[in-house]
Amino acid sequence: MTGRKTTAWEIASDAEQVVVLWRLLDRHPELRAEADQLVLTVLEAVERSDVADDVSTALESVSTAVVGAHSGRQRGRGYVEASDAAWELLAAAVDPFVVRLRQLVDLGLRDAATRWAPASSWVCLRRAATTDAPSTLSPTS
Protein backbone atom coordinates (compact mmCIF):
# COMPACT_ATOMS: atom_id res chain seq x y z
CA MET A 1 0.00 0.00 0.00
CA THR A 2 1.34 3.40 -0.95
CA GLY A 3 -0.22 5.27 1.94
CA ARG A 4 -2.32 7.42 -0.37
CA LYS A 5 -5.41 8.70 1.41
CA THR A 6 -8.78 7.92 -0.18
CA THR A 7 -10.67 11.05 -1.19
CA ALA A 8 -14.32 11.79 -0.47
CA TRP A 9 -14.94 11.88 -4.23
CA GLU A 10 -13.69 8.30 -4.57
CA ILE A 11 -16.10 6.94 -1.98
CA ALA A 12 -19.10 9.05 -3.06
CA SER A 13 -21.87 7.14 -4.82
CA ASP A 14 -22.83 7.96 -8.40
CA ALA A 15 -25.88 9.87 -7.12
CA GLU A 16 -23.76 11.88 -4.70
CA GLN A 17 -21.26 12.71 -7.43
CA VAL A 18 -24.10 13.93 -9.66
CA VAL A 19 -25.29 16.27 -6.90
CA VAL A 20 -21.77 17.61 -6.46
CA LEU A 21 -21.36 18.20 -10.19
CA TRP A 22 -24.70 20.04 -10.41
CA ARG A 23 -23.71 22.24 -7.49
CA LEU A 24 -20.31 22.87 -9.05
CA LEU A 25 -21.94 23.94 -12.31
CA ASP A 26 -24.36 26.18 -10.40
CA ARG A 27 -21.43 27.88 -8.65
CA HIS A 28 -19.33 28.09 -11.82
CA PRO A 29 -21.64 28.65 -14.80
CA GLU A 30 -18.60 29.34 -16.97
CA LEU A 31 -17.97 25.57 -16.86
CA ARG A 32 -21.34 24.67 -18.42
CA ALA A 33 -20.12 24.87 -22.02
CA GLU A 34 -17.17 22.63 -21.23
CA ALA A 35 -19.42 20.20 -19.34
CA ASP A 36 -21.78 20.12 -22.31
CA GLN A 37 -18.90 19.24 -24.63
CA LEU A 38 -17.81 16.45 -22.31
CA VAL A 39 -21.36 15.07 -22.27
CA LEU A 40 -21.43 15.09 -26.07
CA THR A 41 -18.17 13.14 -26.10
CA VAL A 42 -19.63 10.54 -23.74
CA LEU A 43 -22.85 10.28 -25.78
CA GLU A 44 -20.89 9.85 -29.01
CA ALA A 45 -18.82 7.04 -27.51
CA VAL A 46 -21.73 4.64 -27.01
CA GLU A 47 -21.06 1.20 -28.44
CA ARG A 48 -23.65 -0.65 -30.52
CA SER A 49 -23.01 -3.83 -28.52
CA ASP A 50 -23.74 -2.00 -25.25
CA VAL A 51 -27.02 -0.72 -26.66
CA ALA A 52 -27.87 -4.20 -27.96
CA ASP A 53 -27.16 -5.69 -24.53
CA ASP A 54 -29.36 -3.09 -22.84
CA VAL A 55 -32.20 -3.62 -25.33
CA SER A 56 -31.90 -7.37 -24.92
CA THR A 57 -32.06 -7.09 -21.14
CA ALA A 58 -35.11 -4.83 -21.36
CA LEU A 59 -36.89 -7.23 -23.71
CA GLU A 60 -35.99 -10.28 -21.64
CA SER A 61 -37.50 -8.61 -18.58
CA VAL A 62 -40.91 -9.18 -20.15
CA SER A 63 -41.47 -12.73 -18.94
CA THR A 64 -44.43 -14.95 -19.67
CA ALA A 65 -45.50 -14.43 -16.05
CA VAL A 66 -45.56 -10.66 -16.59
CA VAL A 67 -47.51 -11.09 -19.83
CA GLY A 68 -49.92 -13.39 -18.02
CA ALA A 69 -50.49 -10.83 -15.30
CA HIS A 70 -51.34 -8.20 -17.94
CA SER A 71 -53.59 -10.40 -20.08
CA GLY A 72 -56.96 -11.99 -19.60
CA ARG A 73 -59.70 -10.12 -17.80
CA GLN A 74 -58.31 -6.75 -16.72
CA ARG A 75 -60.14 -4.30 -14.51
CA GLY A 76 -61.02 -1.17 -16.50
CA ARG A 77 -59.87 -2.68 -19.81
CA GLY A 78 -62.03 -5.75 -20.27
CA TYR A 79 -60.40 -8.80 -21.82
CA VAL A 80 -56.82 -8.37 -23.09
CA GLU A 81 -55.33 -10.96 -25.41
CA ALA A 82 -51.94 -12.29 -24.32
CA SER A 83 -50.38 -11.22 -27.63
CA ASP A 84 -51.69 -7.66 -27.19
CA ALA A 85 -50.37 -7.53 -23.63
CA ALA A 86 -47.00 -8.87 -24.78
CA TRP A 87 -46.64 -6.25 -27.52
CA GLU A 88 -47.63 -3.46 -25.14
CA LEU A 89 -45.09 -4.62 -22.56
CA LEU A 90 -42.35 -5.07 -25.16
CA ALA A 91 -43.01 -1.61 -26.61
CA ALA A 92 -42.87 -0.11 -23.11
CA ALA A 93 -39.57 -1.89 -22.46
CA VAL A 94 -38.06 -0.47 -25.64
CA ASP A 95 -39.56 3.02 -25.36
CA PRO A 96 -36.66 4.51 -23.31
CA PHE A 97 -34.33 3.56 -26.19
CA VAL A 98 -36.60 5.31 -28.66
CA VAL A 99 -36.61 8.42 -26.48
CA ARG A 100 -32.80 8.35 -26.32
CA LEU A 101 -32.60 7.94 -30.10
CA ARG A 102 -34.71 11.05 -30.59
CA GLN A 103 -32.61 12.98 -28.09
CA LEU A 104 -29.41 12.04 -29.91
CA VAL A 105 -30.90 13.08 -33.26
CA ASP A 106 -32.06 16.38 -31.76
CA LEU A 107 -28.49 17.00 -30.56
CA GLY A 108 -27.17 16.29 -34.06
CA LEU A 109 -25.36 13.13 -32.93
CA ARG A 110 -26.36 11.06 -35.95
CA ASP A 111 -23.51 8.52 -35.62
CA ALA A 112 -24.44 7.81 -32.01
CA ALA A 113 -28.13 7.71 -32.98
CA THR A 114 -27.47 4.96 -35.51
CA ARG A 115 -26.29 2.76 -32.66
CA TRP A 116 -29.69 3.27 -31.00
CA ALA A 117 -31.71 2.87 -34.21
CA PRO A 118 -32.44 -0.89 -34.04
CA ALA A 119 -34.57 -0.44 -30.91
CA SER A 120 -36.48 2.41 -32.50
CA SER A 121 -37.05 0.51 -35.73
CA TRP A 122 -38.44 -2.49 -33.88
CA VAL A 123 -41.07 -0.42 -32.07
CA CYS A 124 -42.01 1.66 -35.11
CA LEU A 125 -42.43 -1.37 -37.35
CA ARG A 126 -44.53 -3.19 -34.77
CA ARG A 127 -46.75 -0.15 -34.20
CA ALA A 128 -47.26 0.28 -37.94
CA ALA A 129 -48.20 -3.39 -38.30
CA THR A 130 -50.74 -3.43 -35.47
CA THR A 131 -52.66 -0.17 -35.67
CA ASP A 132 -54.28 2.20 -38.10
CA ALA A 133 -53.97 5.06 -35.63
CA PRO A 134 -50.98 7.41 -35.85
CA SER A 135 -48.25 6.20 -33.54
CA THR A 136 -46.51 8.42 -31.03
CA LEU A 137 -43.42 6.35 -31.82
CA SER A 138 -43.48 6.76 -35.58
CA PRO A 139 -40.21 7.85 -37.18
CA THR A 140 -41.78 11.06 -38.46
CA SER A 141 -43.27 12.29 -35.20
C-alpha atoms as a PDB file:
ATOM      1  CA  MET A   1       0.000   0.000   0.000  1.00  0.00           C
ATOM      2  CA  THR A   2       1.339   3.404  -0.952  1.00  0.00           C
ATOM      3  CA  GLY A   3      -0.216   5.268   1.942  1.00  0.00           C
ATOM      4  CA  ARG A   4      -2.324   7.425  -0.369  1.00  0.00           C
ATOM      5  CA  LYS A   5      -5.409   8.697   1.407  1.00  0.00           C
ATOM      6  CA  THR A   6      -8.785   7.916  -0.177  1.00  0.00           C
ATOM      7  CA  THR A   7     -10.674  11.051  -1.191  1.00  0.00           C
ATOM      8  CA  ALA A   8     -14.317  11.791  -0.469  1.00  0.00           C
ATOM      9  CA  TRP A   9     -14.943  11.876  -4.229  1.00  0.00           C
ATOM     10  CA  GLU A  10     -13.686   8.297  -4.567  1.00  0.00           C
ATOM     11  CA  ILE A  11     -16.103   6.941  -1.983  1.00  0.00           C
ATOM     12  CA  ALA A  12     -19.104   9.051  -3.059  1.00  0.00           C
ATOM     13  CA  SER A  13     -21.874   7.143  -4.820  1.00  0.00           C
ATOM     14  CA  ASP A  14     -22.835   7.964  -8.399  1.00  0.00           C
ATOM     15  CA  ALA A  15     -25.877   9.866  -7.125  1.00  0.00           C
ATOM     16  CA  GLU A  16     -23.756  11.882  -4.702  1.00  0.00           C
ATOM     17  CA  GLN A  17     -21.260  12.709  -7.432  1.00  0.00           C
ATOM     18  CA  VAL A  18     -24.096  13.925  -9.660  1.00  0.00           C
ATOM     19  CA  VAL A  19     -25.294  16.265  -6.902  1.00  0.00           C
ATOM     20  CA  VAL A  20     -21.773  17.608  -6.463  1.00  0.00           C
ATOM     21  CA  LEU A  21     -21.356  18.198 -10.187  1.00  0.00           C
ATOM     22  CA  TRP A  22     -24.697  20.036 -10.413  1.00  0.00           C
ATOM     23  CA  ARG A  23     -23.706  22.242  -7.490  1.00  0.00           C
ATOM     24  CA  LEU A  24     -20.308  22.872  -9.048  1.00  0.00           C
ATOM     25  CA  LEU A  25     -21.943  23.941 -12.315  1.00  0.00           C
ATOM     26  CA  ASP A  26     -24.362  26.184 -10.401  1.00  0.00           C
ATOM     27  CA  ARG A  27     -21.431  27.878  -8.653  1.00  0.00           C
ATOM     28  CA  HIS A  28     -19.327  28.088 -11.820  1.00  0.00           C
ATOM     29  CA  PRO A  29     -21.644  28.654 -14.801  1.00  0.00           C
ATOM     30  CA  GLU A  30     -18.604  29.341 -16.972  1.00  0.00           C
ATOM     31  CA  LEU A  31     -17.968  25.570 -16.862  1.00  0.00           C
ATOM     32  CA  ARG A  32     -21.335  24.672 -18.416  1.00  0.00           C
ATOM     33  CA  ALA A  33     -20.119  24.872 -22.023  1.00  0.00           C
ATOM     34  CA  GLU A  34     -17.169  22.625 -21.232  1.00  0.00           C
ATOM     35  CA  ALA A  35     -19.416  20.200 -19.343  1.00  0.00           C
ATOM     36  CA  ASP A  36     -21.780  20.121 -22.312  1.00  0.00           C
ATOM     37  CA  GLN A  37     -18.900  19.244 -24.632  1.00  0.00           C
ATOM     38  CA  LEU A  38     -17.811  16.449 -22.306  1.00  0.00           C
ATOM     39  CA  VAL A  39     -21.358  15.069 -22.266  1.00  0.00           C
ATOM     40  CA  LEU A  40     -21.431  15.093 -26.075  1.00  0.00           C
ATOM     41  CA  THR A  41     -18.170  13.142 -26.102  1.00  0.00           C
ATOM     42  CA  VAL A  42     -19.631  10.536 -23.739  1.00  0.00           C
ATOM     43  CA  LEU A  43     -22.851  10.279 -25.780  1.00  0.00           C
ATOM     44  CA  GLU A  44     -20.893   9.849 -29.013  1.00  0.00           C
ATOM     45  CA  ALA A  45     -18.815   7.041 -27.509  1.00  0.00           C
ATOM     46  CA  VAL A  46     -21.733   4.643 -27.014  1.00  0.00           C
ATOM     47  CA  GLU A  47     -21.064   1.197 -28.440  1.00  0.00           C
ATOM     48  CA  ARG A  48     -23.652  -0.650 -30.521  1.00  0.00           C
ATOM     49  CA  SER A  49     -23.010  -3.835 -28.521  1.00  0.00           C
ATOM     50  CA  ASP A  50     -23.743  -2.002 -25.248  1.00  0.00           C
ATOM     51  CA  VAL A  51     -27.023  -0.718 -26.657  1.00  0.00           C
ATOM     52  CA  ALA A  52     -27.870  -4.195 -27.955  1.00  0.00           C
ATOM     53  CA  ASP A  53     -27.161  -5.691 -24.531  1.00  0.00           C
ATOM     54  CA  ASP A  54     -29.358  -3.092 -22.836  1.00  0.00           C
ATOM     55  CA  VAL A  55     -32.204  -3.616 -25.327  1.00  0.00           C
ATOM     56  CA  SER A  56     -31.903  -7.374 -24.924  1.00  0.00           C
ATOM     57  CA  THR A  57     -32.056  -7.093 -21.142  1.00  0.00           C
ATOM     58  CA  ALA A  58     -35.111  -4.832 -21.364  1.00  0.00           C
ATOM     59  CA  LEU A  59     -36.893  -7.228 -23.706  1.00  0.00           C
ATOM     60  CA  GLU A  60     -35.987 -10.281 -21.640  1.00  0.00           C
ATOM     61  CA  SER A  61     -37.499  -8.608 -18.578  1.00  0.00           C
ATOM     62  CA  VAL A  62     -40.910  -9.182 -20.154  1.00  0.00           C
ATOM     63  CA  SER A  63     -41.470 -12.734 -18.940  1.00  0.00           C
ATOM     64  CA  THR A  64     -44.426 -14.949 -19.671  1.00  0.00           C
ATOM     65  CA  ALA A  65     -45.500 -14.427 -16.052  1.00  0.00           C
ATOM     66  CA  VAL A  66     -45.563 -10.661 -16.585  1.00  0.00           C
ATOM     67  CA  VAL A  67     -47.512 -11.089 -19.827  1.00  0.00           C
ATOM     68  CA  GLY A  68     -49.918 -13.391 -18.019  1.00  0.00           C
ATOM     69  CA  ALA A  69     -50.487 -10.826 -15.299  1.00  0.00           C
ATOM     70  CA  HIS A  70     -51.344  -8.204 -17.936  1.00  0.00           C
ATOM     71  CA  SER A  71     -53.590 -10.400 -20.080  1.00  0.00           C
ATOM     72  CA  GLY A  72     -56.956 -11.990 -19.601  1.00  0.00           C
ATOM     73  CA  ARG A  73     -59.702 -10.120 -17.800  1.00  0.00           C
ATOM     74  CA  GLN A  74     -58.306  -6.750 -16.719  1.00  0.00           C
ATOM     75  CA  ARG A  75     -60.143  -4.295 -14.514  1.00  0.00           C
ATOM     76  CA  GLY A  76     -61.015  -1.173 -16.501  1.00  0.00           C
ATOM     77  CA  ARG A  77     -59.870  -2.684 -19.815  1.00  0.00           C
ATOM     78  CA  GLY A  78     -62.026  -5.746 -20.273  1.00  0.00           C
ATOM     79  CA  TYR A  79     -60.401  -8.800 -21.820  1.00  0.00           C
ATOM     80  CA  VAL A  80     -56.823  -8.371 -23.085  1.00  0.00           C
ATOM     81  CA  GLU A  81     -55.333 -10.963 -25.412  1.00  0.00           C
ATOM     82  CA  ALA A  82     -51.943 -12.293 -24.323  1.00  0.00           C
ATOM     83  CA  SER A  83     -50.377 -11.220 -27.626  1.00  0.00           C
ATOM     84  CA  ASP A  84     -51.687  -7.663 -27.187  1.00  0.00           C
ATOM     85  CA  ALA A  85     -50.367  -7.530 -23.633  1.00  0.00           C
ATOM     86  CA  ALA A  86     -47.001  -8.866 -24.781  1.00  0.00           C
ATOM     87  CA  TRP A  87     -46.636  -6.251 -27.519  1.00  0.00           C
ATOM     88  CA  GLU A  88     -47.630  -3.458 -25.145  1.00  0.00           C
ATOM     89  CA  LEU A  89     -45.091  -4.620 -22.561  1.00  0.00           C
ATOM     90  CA  LEU A  90     -42.345  -5.066 -25.158  1.00  0.00           C
ATOM     91  CA  ALA A  91     -43.014  -1.613 -26.608  1.00  0.00           C
ATOM     92  CA  ALA A  92     -42.874  -0.107 -23.106  1.00  0.00           C
ATOM     93  CA  ALA A  93     -39.570  -1.891 -22.460  1.00  0.00           C
ATOM     94  CA  VAL A  94     -38.057  -0.466 -25.640  1.00  0.00           C
ATOM     95  CA  ASP A  95     -39.563   3.018 -25.359  1.00  0.00           C
ATOM     96  CA  PRO A  96     -36.656   4.508 -23.315  1.00  0.00           C
ATOM     97  CA  PHE A  97     -34.327   3.565 -26.187  1.00  0.00           C
ATOM     98  CA  VAL A  98     -36.600   5.312 -28.664  1.00  0.00           C
ATOM     99  CA  VAL A  99     -36.607   8.421 -26.476  1.00  0.00           C
ATOM    100  CA  ARG A 100     -32.800   8.355 -26.317  1.00  0.00           C
ATOM    101  CA  LEU A 101     -32.600   7.941 -30.098  1.00  0.00           C
ATOM    102  CA  ARG A 102     -34.707  11.048 -30.593  1.00  0.00           C
ATOM    103  CA  GLN A 103     -32.611  12.979 -28.090  1.00  0.00           C
ATOM    104  CA  LEU A 104     -29.413  12.044 -29.911  1.00  0.00           C
ATOM    105  CA  VAL A 105     -30.895  13.078 -33.262  1.00  0.00           C
ATOM    106  CA  ASP A 106     -32.055  16.378 -31.761  1.00  0.00           C
ATOM    107  CA  LEU A 107     -28.489  17.005 -30.562  1.00  0.00           C
ATOM    108  CA  GLY A 108     -27.166  16.291 -34.056  1.00  0.00           C
ATOM    109  CA  LEU A 109     -25.361  13.127 -32.926  1.00  0.00           C
ATOM    110  CA  ARG A 110     -26.359  11.059 -35.947  1.00  0.00           C
ATOM    111  CA  ASP A 111     -23.515   8.523 -35.619  1.00  0.00           C
ATOM    112  CA  ALA A 112     -24.441   7.809 -32.014  1.00  0.00           C
ATOM    113  CA  ALA A 113     -28.129   7.705 -32.976  1.00  0.00           C
ATOM    114  CA  THR A 114     -27.466   4.958 -35.515  1.00  0.00           C
ATOM    115  CA  ARG A 115     -26.286   2.763 -32.655  1.00  0.00           C
ATOM    116  CA  TRP A 116     -29.692   3.271 -30.997  1.00  0.00           C
ATOM    117  CA  ALA A 117     -31.711   2.870 -34.211  1.00  0.00           C
ATOM    118  CA  PRO A 118     -32.440  -0.888 -34.041  1.00  0.00           C
ATOM    119  CA  ALA A 119     -34.573  -0.439 -30.908  1.00  0.00           C
ATOM    120  CA  SER A 120     -36.477   2.408 -32.496  1.00  0.00           C
ATOM    121  CA  SER A 121     -37.045   0.511 -35.725  1.00  0.00           C
ATOM    122  CA  TRP A 122     -38.438  -2.490 -33.879  1.00  0.00           C
ATOM    123  CA  VAL A 123     -41.068  -0.424 -32.068  1.00  0.00           C
ATOM    124  CA  CYS A 124     -42.010   1.661 -35.111  1.00  0.00           C
ATOM    125  CA  LEU A 125     -42.430  -1.373 -37.351  1.00  0.00           C
ATOM    126  CA  ARG A 126     -44.532  -3.187 -34.768  1.00  0.00           C
ATOM    127  CA  ARG A 127     -46.750  -0.146 -34.204  1.00  0.00           C
ATOM    128  CA  ALA A 128     -47.259   0.280 -37.944  1.00  0.00           C
ATOM    129  CA  ALA A 129     -48.204  -3.388 -38.302  1.00  0.00           C
ATOM    130  CA  THR A 130     -50.743  -3.431 -35.473  1.00  0.00           C
ATOM    131  CA  THR A 131     -52.657  -0.168 -35.668  1.00  0.00           C
ATOM    132  CA  ASP A 132     -54.284   2.203 -38.100  1.00  0.00           C
ATOM    133  CA  ALA A 133     -53.968   5.063 -35.635  1.00  0.00           C
ATOM    134  CA  PRO A 134     -50.981   7.414 -35.849  1.00  0.00           C
ATOM    135  CA  SER A 135     -48.253   6.205 -33.537  1.00  0.00           C
ATOM    136  CA  THR A 136     -46.512   8.420 -31.032  1.00  0.00           C
ATOM    137  CA  LEU A 137     -43.422   6.355 -31.821  1.00  0.00           C
ATOM    138  CA  SER A 138     -43.479   6.763 -35.578  1.00  0.00           C
ATOM    139  CA  PRO A 139     -40.206   7.846 -37.181  1.00  0.00           C
ATOM    140  CA  THR A 140     -41.776  11.055 -38.455  1.00  0.00           C
ATOM    141  CA  SER A 141     -43.266  12.291 -35.204  1.00  0.00           C
END
